[in-house]
């Protein structure tokens, strides 16, 4: 039963990145996003993924794998905005 709770929680928190990622891809606007925060966030998610792989915890693995992809897309757009568009 608690594994289902984990999958639901993981799904909701992971999918919450989808609207922001889509918006940034469409608008290419990342001015209001903190580069430092997103760098730390992506690194933290990567560590959570490693932890999930180590422990074999599927909700943690799936959620952090998808979140890593979505948040990395946002981070790439932010890095381009900060370093390439000046």
PDB file of N, CA and C in Angstrom:
ATOM      1  N   UNK A   1       0.826  -1.206   0.000  1.00  0.00           N
ATOM      2  CA  UNK A   1       0.000   0.000   0.000  1.00  0.00           C
ATOM      3  C   UNK A   1       0.865   1.262   0.000  1.00  0.00           C
ATOM      4  N   UNK A   2       1.899   1.296   0.837  1.00  0.00           N
ATOM      5  CA  UNK A   2       2.726   2.503   0.913  1.00  0.00           C
ATOM      6  C   UNK A   2       3.514   2.716  -0.374  1.00  0.00           C
ATOM      7  N   UNK A   3       3.808   1.651  -1.105  1.00  0.00           N
ATOM      8  CA  UNK A   3       4.487   1.828  -2.388  1.00  0.00           C
ATOM      9  C   UNK A   3       3.598   2.599  -3.359  1.00  0.00           C
ATOM     10  N   UNK A   4       2.286   2.346  -3.309  1.00  0.00           N
ATOM     11  CA  UNK A   4       1.356   3.112  -4.144  1.00  0.00           C
ATOM     12  C   UNK A   4       1.350   4.580  -3.749  1.00  0.00           C
ATOM     13  N   UNK A   5       1.401   4.840  -2.460  1.00  0.00           N
ATOM     14  CA  UNK A   5       1.490   6.229  -1.982  1.00  0.00           C
ATOM     15  C   UNK A   5       2.763   6.876  -2.532  1.00  0.00           C
ATOM     16  N   UNK A   6       3.858   6.129  -2.524  1.00  0.00           N
ATOM     17  CA  UNK A   6       5.113   6.628  -3.069  1.00  0.00           C
ATOM     18  C   UNK A   6       5.012   6.928  -4.555  1.00  0.00           C
ATOM     19  N   UNK A   7       4.373   6.044  -5.314  1.00  0.00           N
ATOM     20  CA  UNK A   7       4.208   6.279  -6.749  1.00  0.00           C
ATOM     21  C   UNK A   7       3.320   7.489  -7.023  1.00  0.00           C
ATOM     22  N   UNK A   8       2.263   7.661  -6.241  1.00  0.00           N
ATOM     23  CA  UNK A   8       1.386   8.821  -6.421  1.00  0.00           C
ATOM     24  C   UNK A   8       2.138  10.109  -6.099  1.00  0.00           C
ATOM     25  N   UNK A   9       2.840  10.123  -4.984  1.00  0.00           N
ATOM     26  CA  UNK A   9       3.620  11.307  -4.604  1.00  0.00           C
ATOM     27  C   UNK A   9       4.681  11.608  -5.658  1.00  0.00           C
ATOM     28  N   UNK A  10       5.376  10.584  -6.102  1.00  0.00           N
ATOM     29  CA  UNK A  10       6.416  10.763  -7.119  1.00  0.00           C
ATOM     30  C   UNK A  10       5.825  11.283  -8.421  1.00  0.00           C
ATOM     31  N   UNK A  11       4.687  10.765  -8.812  1.00  0.00           N
ATOM     32  CA  UNK A  11       4.038  11.210 -10.050  1.00  0.00           C
ATOM     33  C   UNK A  11       3.640  12.671  -9.979  1.00  0.00           C
ATOM     34  N   UNK A  12       3.029  13.053  -8.875  1.00  0.00           N
ATOM     35  CA  UNK A  12       2.573  14.442  -8.742  1.00  0.00           C
ATOM     36  C   UNK A  12       3.730  15.432  -8.713  1.00  0.00           C
ATOM     37  N   UNK A  13       4.748  15.140  -7.937  1.00  0.00           N
ATOM     38  CA  UNK A  13       5.861  16.086  -7.850  1.00  0.00           C
ATOM     39  C   UNK A  13       6.669  16.110  -9.145  1.00  0.00           C
ATOM     40  N   UNK A  14       6.786  14.984  -9.802  1.00  0.00           N
ATOM     41  CA  UNK A  14       7.519  14.932 -11.066  1.00  0.00           C
ATOM     42  C   UNK A  14       6.758  15.637 -12.172  1.00  0.00           C
ATOM     43  N   UNK A  15       5.487  15.339 -12.309  1.00  0.00           N
ATOM     44  CA  UNK A  15       4.689  15.947 -13.372  1.00  0.00           C
ATOM     45  C   UNK A  15       4.480  17.439 -13.172  1.00  0.00           C
ATOM     46  N   UNK A  16       4.712  17.931 -11.965  1.00  0.00           N
ATOM     47  CA  UNK A  16       4.575  19.371 -11.739  1.00  0.00           C
ATOM     48  C   UNK A  16       5.612  20.165 -12.541  1.00  0.00           C
ATOM     49  N   UNK A  17       6.691  19.525 -12.972  1.00  0.00           N
ATOM     50  CA  UNK A  17       7.705  20.193 -13.788  1.00  0.00           C
ATOM     51  C   UNK A  17       7.300  20.293 -15.252  1.00  0.00           C
ATOM     52  N   UNK A  18       6.367  19.494 -15.681  1.00  0.00           N
ATOM     53  CA  UNK A  18       5.991  19.456 -17.089  1.00  0.00           C
ATOM     54  C   UNK A  18       5.455  20.795 -17.602  1.00  0.00           C
ATOM     55  N   UNK A  19       4.503  21.447 -16.926  1.00  0.00           N
ATOM     56  CA  UNK A  19       4.011  22.732 -17.448  1.00  0.00           C
ATOM     57  C   UNK A  19       5.118  23.793 -17.549  1.00  0.00           C
ATOM     58  N   UNK A  20       6.008  23.850 -16.570  1.00  0.00           N
ATOM     59  CA  UNK A  20       7.092  24.839 -16.608  1.00  0.00           C
ATOM     60  C   UNK A  20       8.059  24.531 -17.740  1.00  0.00           C
ATOM     61  N   UNK A  21       8.375  23.271 -17.933  1.00  0.00           N
ATOM     62  CA  UNK A  21       9.281  22.883 -19.011  1.00  0.00           C
ATOM     63  C   UNK A  21       8.680  23.225 -20.367  1.00  0.00           C
ATOM     64  N   UNK A  22       7.419  22.917 -20.562  1.00  0.00           N
ATOM     65  CA  UNK A  22       6.738  23.234 -21.821  1.00  0.00           C
ATOM     66  C   UNK A  22       6.720  24.742 -22.048  1.00  0.00           C
ATOM     67  N   UNK A  23       6.405  25.500 -21.013  1.00  0.00           N
ATOM     68  CA  UNK A  23       6.362  26.960 -21.139  1.00  0.00           C
ATOM     69  C   UNK A  23       7.733  27.520 -21.531  1.00  0.00           C
ATOM     70  N   UNK A  24       8.780  27.032 -20.915  1.00  0.00           N
ATOM     71  CA  UNK A  24      10.121  27.532 -21.218  1.00  0.00           C
ATOM     72  C   UNK A  24      10.539  27.130 -22.629  1.00  0.00           C
ATOM     73  N   UNK A  25      10.198  25.938 -23.062  1.00  0.00           N
ATOM     74  CA  UNK A  25      10.518  25.531 -24.428  1.00  0.00           C
ATOM     75  C   UNK A  25       9.795  26.439 -25.426  1.00  0.00           C
ATOM     76  N   UNK A  26       8.534  26.752 -25.159  1.00  0.00           N
ATOM     77  CA  UNK A  26       7.754  27.596 -26.068  1.00  0.00           C
ATOM     78  C   UNK A  26       8.226  29.047 -26.064  1.00  0.00           C
ATOM     79  N   UNK A  27       8.447  29.610 -24.885  1.00  0.00           N
ATOM     80  CA  UNK A  27       8.756  31.037 -24.782  1.00  0.00           C
ATOM     81  C   UNK A  27      10.251  31.338 -24.787  1.00  0.00           C
ATOM     82  N   UNK A  28      11.056  30.346 -24.427  1.00  0.00           N
ATOM     83  CA  UNK A  28      12.511  30.521 -24.277  1.00  0.00           C
ATOM     84  C   UNK A  28      12.846  31.589 -23.226  1.00  0.00           C
ATOM     85  N   UNK A  29      11.926  31.828 -22.309  1.00  0.00           N
ATOM     86  CA  UNK A  29      12.109  32.850 -21.273  1.00  0.00           C
ATOM     87  C   UNK A  29      12.459  32.204 -19.938  1.00  0.00           C
ATOM     88  N   UNK A  30      13.672  32.434 -19.486  1.00  0.00           N
ATOM     89  CA  UNK A  30      14.122  31.901 -18.199  1.00  0.00           C
ATOM     90  C   UNK A  30      14.637  33.013 -17.285  1.00  0.00           C
ATOM     91  N   UNK A  31      14.339  34.255 -17.614  1.00  0.00           N
ATOM     92  CA  UNK A  31      14.883  35.380 -16.855  1.00  0.00           C
ATOM     93  C   UNK A  31      14.527  35.339 -15.367  1.00  0.00           C
ATOM     94  N   UNK A  32      13.363  34.855 -15.034  1.00  0.00           N
ATOM     95  CA  UNK A  32      12.932  34.864 -13.627  1.00  0.00           C
ATOM     96  C   UNK A  32      13.368  33.625 -12.856  1.00  0.00           C
ATOM     97  N   UNK A  33      14.134  32.750 -13.480  1.00  0.00           N
ATOM     98  CA  UNK A  33      14.593  31.527 -12.824  1.00  0.00           C
ATOM     99  C   UNK A  33      16.034  31.717 -12.368  1.00  0.00           C
ATOM    100  N   UNK A  34      16.320  31.299 -11.159  1.00  0.00           N
ATOM    101  CA  UNK A  34      17.663  31.412 -10.600  1.00  0.00           C
ATOM    102  C   UNK A  34      18.564  30.301 -11.140  1.00  0.00           C
ATOM    103  N   UNK A  35      19.684  30.686 -11.753  1.00  0.00           N
ATOM    104  CA  UNK A  35      20.639  29.706 -12.263  1.00  0.00           C
ATOM    105  C   UNK A  35      21.211  28.873 -11.120  1.00  0.00           C
ATOM    106  N   UNK A  36      21.591  29.520 -10.037  1.00  0.00           N
ATOM    107  CA  UNK A  36      22.159  28.799  -8.899  1.00  0.00           C
ATOM    108  C   UNK A  36      21.199  27.777  -8.332  1.00  0.00           C
ATOM    109  N   UNK A  37      19.947  28.167  -8.189  1.00  0.00           N
ATOM    110  CA  UNK A  37      18.941  27.246  -7.646  1.00  0.00           C
ATOM    111  C   UNK A  37      18.770  26.050  -8.563  1.00  0.00           C
ATOM    112  N   UNK A  38      18.668  26.285  -9.868  1.00  0.00           N
ATOM    113  CA  UNK A  38      18.451  25.167 -10.784  1.00  0.00           C
ATOM    114  C   UNK A  38      19.663  24.262 -10.874  1.00  0.00           C
ATOM    115  N   UNK A  39      20.870  24.818 -10.786  1.00  0.00           N
ATOM    116  CA  UNK A  39      22.064  23.981 -10.783  1.00  0.00           C
ATOM    117  C   UNK A  39      22.066  23.071  -9.556  1.00  0.00           C
ATOM    118  N   UNK A  40      21.757  23.646  -8.393  1.00  0.00           N
ATOM    119  CA  UNK A  40      21.713  22.846  -7.169  1.00  0.00           C
ATOM    120  C   UNK A  40      20.588  21.824  -7.227  1.00  0.00           C
ATOM    121  N   UNK A  41      19.447  22.213  -7.778  1.00  0.00           N
ATOM    122  CA  UNK A  41      18.303  21.308  -7.862  1.00  0.00           C
ATOM    123  C   UNK A  41      18.620  20.110  -8.750  1.00  0.00           C
ATOM    124  N   UNK A  42      19.169  20.367  -9.937  1.00  0.00           N
ATOM    125  CA  UNK A  42      19.491  19.276 -10.855  1.00  0.00           C
ATOM    126  C   UNK A  42      20.520  18.336 -10.233  1.00  0.00           C
ATOM    127  N   UNK A  43      21.502  18.886  -9.560  1.00  0.00           N
ATOM    128  CA  UNK A  43      22.500  18.052  -8.886  1.00  0.00           C
ATOM    129  C   UNK A  43      21.852  17.218  -7.779  1.00  0.00           C
ATOM    130  N   UNK A  44      20.966  17.832  -7.011  1.00  0.00           N
ATOM    131  CA  UNK A  44      20.260  17.100  -5.956  1.00  0.00           C
ATOM    132  C   UNK A  44      19.405  15.980  -6.507  1.00  0.00           C
ATOM    133  N   UNK A  45      18.704  16.233  -7.605  1.00  0.00           N
ATOM    134  CA  UNK A  45      17.883  15.200  -8.236  1.00  0.00           C
ATOM    135  C   UNK A  45      18.767  14.067  -8.747  1.00  0.00           C
ATOM    136  N   UNK A  46      19.923  14.399  -9.301  1.00  0.00           N
ATOM    137  CA  UNK A  46      20.849  13.370  -9.770  1.00  0.00           C
ATOM    138  C   UNK A  46      21.295  12.481  -8.605  1.00  0.00           C
ATOM    139  N   UNK A  47      21.581  13.098  -7.464  1.00  0.00           N
ATOM    140  CA  UNK A  47      21.960  12.311  -6.291  1.00  0.00           C
ATOM    141  C   UNK A  47      20.796  11.453  -5.792  1.00  0.00           C
ATOM    142  N   UNK A  48      19.576  11.983  -5.834  1.00  0.00           N
ATOM    143  CA  UNK A  48      18.419  11.169  -5.454  1.00  0.00           C
ATOM    144  C   UNK A  48      18.277   9.968  -6.386  1.00  0.00           C
ATOM    145  N   UNK A  49      18.541  10.177  -7.674  1.00  0.00           N
ATOM    146  CA  UNK A  49      18.476   9.071  -8.623  1.00  0.00           C
ATOM    147  C   UNK A  49      19.520   8.006  -8.280  1.00  0.00           C
ATOM    148  N   UNK A  50      20.722   8.440  -7.990  1.00  0.00           N
ATOM    149  CA  UNK A  50      21.775   7.494  -7.588  1.00  0.00           C
ATOM    150  C   UNK A  50      21.344   6.739  -6.331  1.00  0.00           C
ATOM    151  N   UNK A  51      20.797   7.451  -5.368  1.00  0.00           N
ATOM    152  CA  UNK A  51      20.310   6.812  -4.138  1.00  0.00           C
ATOM    153  C   UNK A  51      19.220   5.784  -4.455  1.00  0.00           C
ATOM    154  N   UNK A  52      18.280   6.167  -5.308  1.00  0.00           N
ATOM    155  CA  UNK A  52      17.216   5.248  -5.683  1.00  0.00           C
ATOM    156  C   UNK A  52      17.741   4.005  -6.376  1.00  0.00           C
ATOM    157  N   UNK A  53      18.729   4.195  -7.254  1.00  0.00           N
ATOM    158  CA  UNK A  53      19.334   3.042  -7.919  1.00  0.00           C
ATOM    159  C   UNK A  53      20.041   2.146  -6.911  1.00  0.00           C
ATOM    160  N   UNK A  54      20.715   2.750  -5.970  1.00  0.00           N
ATOM    161  CA  UNK A  54      21.441   1.989  -4.940  1.00  0.00           C
ATOM    162  C   UNK A  54      20.491   1.173  -4.061  1.00  0.00           C
ATOM    163  N   UNK A  55      19.366   1.795  -3.687  1.00  0.00           N
ATOM    164  CA  UNK A  55      18.429   1.112  -2.797  1.00  0.00           C
ATOM    165  C   UNK A  55      17.400   0.274  -3.549  1.00  0.00           C
ATOM    166  N   UNK A  56      17.297   0.465  -4.855  1.00  0.00           N
ATOM    167  CA  UNK A  56      16.313  -0.267  -5.640  1.00  0.00           C
ATOM    168  C   UNK A  56      14.894   0.226  -5.437  1.00  0.00           C
ATOM    169  N   UNK A  57      14.731   1.464  -4.998  1.00  0.00           N
ATOM    170  CA  UNK A  57      13.410   2.036  -4.716  1.00  0.00           C
ATOM    171  C   UNK A  57      12.820   2.615  -6.001  1.00  0.00           C
ATOM    172  N   UNK A  58      11.869   1.870  -6.604  1.00  0.00           N
ATOM    173  CA  UNK A  58      11.331   2.254  -7.912  1.00  0.00           C
ATOM    174  C   UNK A  58      10.648   3.620  -7.945  1.00  0.00           C
ATOM    175  N   UNK A  59       9.827   4.004  -6.941  1.00  0.00           N
ATOM    176  CA  UNK A  59       9.249   5.349  -7.006  1.00  0.00           C
ATOM    177  C   UNK A  59      10.332   6.442  -7.044  1.00  0.00           C
ATOM    178  N   UNK A  60      11.383   6.268  -6.280  1.00  0.00           N
ATOM    179  CA  UNK A  60      12.465   7.258  -6.266  1.00  0.00           C
ATOM    180  C   UNK A  60      13.212   7.234  -7.598  1.00  0.00           C
ATOM    181  N   UNK A  61      13.464   6.059  -8.133  1.00  0.00           N
ATOM    182  CA  UNK A  61      14.174   5.947  -9.406  1.00  0.00           C
ATOM    183  C   UNK A  61      13.377   6.611 -10.524  1.00  0.00           C
ATOM    184  N   UNK A  62      12.127   6.228 -10.681  1.00  0.00           N
ATOM    185  CA  UNK A  62      11.311   6.759 -11.776  1.00  0.00           C
ATOM    186  C   UNK A  62      11.091   8.260 -11.652  1.00  0.00           C
ATOM    187  N   UNK A  63      10.734   8.704 -10.460  1.00  0.00           N
ATOM    188  CA  UNK A  63      10.460  10.129 -10.269  1.00  0.00           C
ATOM    189  C   UNK A  63      11.696  10.967 -10.540  1.00  0.00           C
ATOM    190  N   UNK A  64      12.812  10.553 -10.021  1.00  0.00           N
ATOM    191  CA  UNK A  64      14.012  11.365 -10.185  1.00  0.00           C
ATOM    192  C   UNK A  64      14.610  11.261 -11.573  1.00  0.00           C
ATOM    193  N   UNK A  65      14.426  10.150 -12.254  1.00  0.00           N
ATOM    194  CA  UNK A  65      14.863  10.047 -13.640  1.00  0.00           C
ATOM    195  C   UNK A  65      14.100  11.036 -14.516  1.00  0.00           C
ATOM    196  N   UNK A  66      12.782  11.046 -14.385  1.00  0.00           N
ATOM    197  CA  UNK A  66      11.959  11.957 -15.186  1.00  0.00           C
ATOM    198  C   UNK A  66      12.203  13.401 -14.772  1.00  0.00           C
ATOM    199  N   UNK A  67      12.267  13.665 -13.479  1.00  0.00           N
ATOM    200  CA  UNK A  67      12.518  15.021 -13.004  1.00  0.00           C
ATOM    201  C   UNK A  67      13.881  15.509 -13.471  1.00  0.00           C
ATOM    202  N   UNK A  68      14.868  14.638 -13.485  1.00  0.00           N
ATOM    203  CA  UNK A  68      16.200  15.014 -13.958  1.00  0.00           C
ATOM    204  C   UNK A  68      16.148  15.455 -15.419  1.00  0.00           C
ATOM    205  N   UNK A  69      15.413  14.739 -16.233  1.00  0.00           N
ATOM    206  CA  UNK A  69      15.285  15.115 -17.641  1.00  0.00           C
ATOM    207  C   UNK A  69      14.595  16.471 -17.770  1.00  0.00           C
ATOM    208  N   UNK A  70      13.446  16.631 -17.127  1.00  0.00           N
ATOM    209  CA  UNK A  70      12.690  17.878 -17.248  1.00  0.00           C
ATOM    210  C   UNK A  70      13.453  19.073 -16.693  1.00  0.00           C
ATOM    211  N   UNK A  71      14.041  18.917 -15.521  1.00  0.00           N
ATOM    212  CA  UNK A  71      14.759  20.042 -14.918  1.00  0.00           C
ATOM    213  C   UNK A  71      16.057  20.338 -15.661  1.00  0.00           C
ATOM    214  N   UNK A  72      16.663  19.328 -16.280  1.00  0.00           N
ATOM    215  CA  UNK A  72      17.869  19.563 -17.076  1.00  0.00           C
ATOM    216  C   UNK A  72      17.553  20.360 -18.334  1.00  0.00           C
ATOM    217  N   UNK A  73      16.396  20.115 -18.928  1.00  0.00           N
ATOM    218  CA  UNK A  73      15.978  20.915 -20.086  1.00  0.00           C
ATOM    219  C   UNK A  73      15.872  22.382 -19.678  1.00  0.00           C
ATOM    220  N   UNK A  74      15.235  22.643 -18.549  1.00  0.00           N
ATOM    221  CA  UNK A  74      15.105  24.013 -18.051  1.00  0.00           C
ATOM    222  C   UNK A  74      16.483  24.595 -17.775  1.00  0.00           C
ATOM    223  N   UNK A  75      17.365  23.832 -17.159  1.00  0.00           N
ATOM    224  CA  UNK A  75      18.712  24.313 -16.849  1.00  0.00           C
ATOM    225  C   UNK A  75      19.486  24.654 -18.127  1.00  0.00           C
ATOM    226  N   UNK A  76      19.361  23.842 -19.146  1.00  0.00           N
ATOM    227  CA  UNK A  76      20.050  24.130 -20.411  1.00  0.00           C
ATOM    228  C   UNK A  76      19.555  25.446 -20.994  1.00  0.00           C
ATOM    229  N   UNK A  77      18.267  25.665 -20.995  1.00  0.00           N
ATOM    230  CA  UNK A  77      17.722  26.926 -21.493  1.00  0.00           C
ATOM    231  C   UNK A  77      18.234  28.105 -20.659  1.00  0.00           C
ATOM    232  N   UNK A  78      18.307  27.925 -19.353  1.00  0.00           N
ATOM    233  CA  UNK A  78      18.802  28.992 -18.477  1.00  0.00           C
ATOM    234  C   UNK A  78      20.279  29.280 -18.746  1.00  0.00           C
ATOM    235  N   UNK A  79      21.080  28.239 -18.887  1.00  0.00           N
ATOM    236  CA  UNK A  79      22.502  28.432 -19.167  1.00  0.00           C
ATOM    237  C   UNK A  79      22.685  29.154 -20.502  1.00  0.00           C
ATOM    238  N   UNK A  80      21.897  28.782 -21.504  1.00  0.00           N
ATOM    239  CA  UNK A  80      21.972  29.466 -22.789  1.00  0.00           C
ATOM    240  C   UNK A  80      21.611  30.939 -22.639  1.00  0.00           C
ATOM    241  N   UNK A  81      20.583  31.216 -21.836  1.00  0.00           N
ATOM    242  CA  UNK A  81      20.152  32.601 -21.636  1.00  0.00           C
ATOM    243  C   UNK A  81      21.239  33.411 -20.940  1.00  0.00           C
ATOM    244  N   UNK A  82      21.876  32.827 -19.952  1.00  0.00           N
ATOM    245  CA  UNK A  82      22.879  33.560 -19.165  1.00  0.00           C
ATOM    246  C   UNK A  82      24.186  33.741 -19.926  1.00  0.00           C
ATOM    247  N   UNK A  83      24.670  32.702 -20.585  1.00  0.00           N
ATOM    248  CA  UNK A  83      26.004  32.733 -21.157  1.00  0.00           C
ATOM    249  C   UNK A  83      26.067  32.974 -22.655  1.00  0.00           C
ATOM    250  N   UNK A  84      25.029  32.638 -23.388  1.00  0.00           N
ATOM    251  CA  UNK A  84      25.114  32.725 -24.848  1.00  0.00           C
ATOM    252  C   UNK A  84      24.335  33.881 -25.458  1.00  0.00           C
ATOM    253  N   UNK A  85      23.394  34.411 -24.745  1.00  0.00           N
ATOM    254  CA  UNK A  85      22.544  35.448 -25.327  1.00  0.00           C
ATOM    255  C   UNK A  85      22.883  36.837 -24.833  1.00  0.00           C
ATOM    256  N   UNK A  86      24.111  37.042 -24.412  1.00  0.00           N
ATOM    257  CA  UNK A  86      24.507  38.380 -23.945  1.00  0.00           C
ATOM    258  C   UNK A  86      25.388  39.047 -24.940  1.00  0.00           C
TER     259      UNK A  86
END
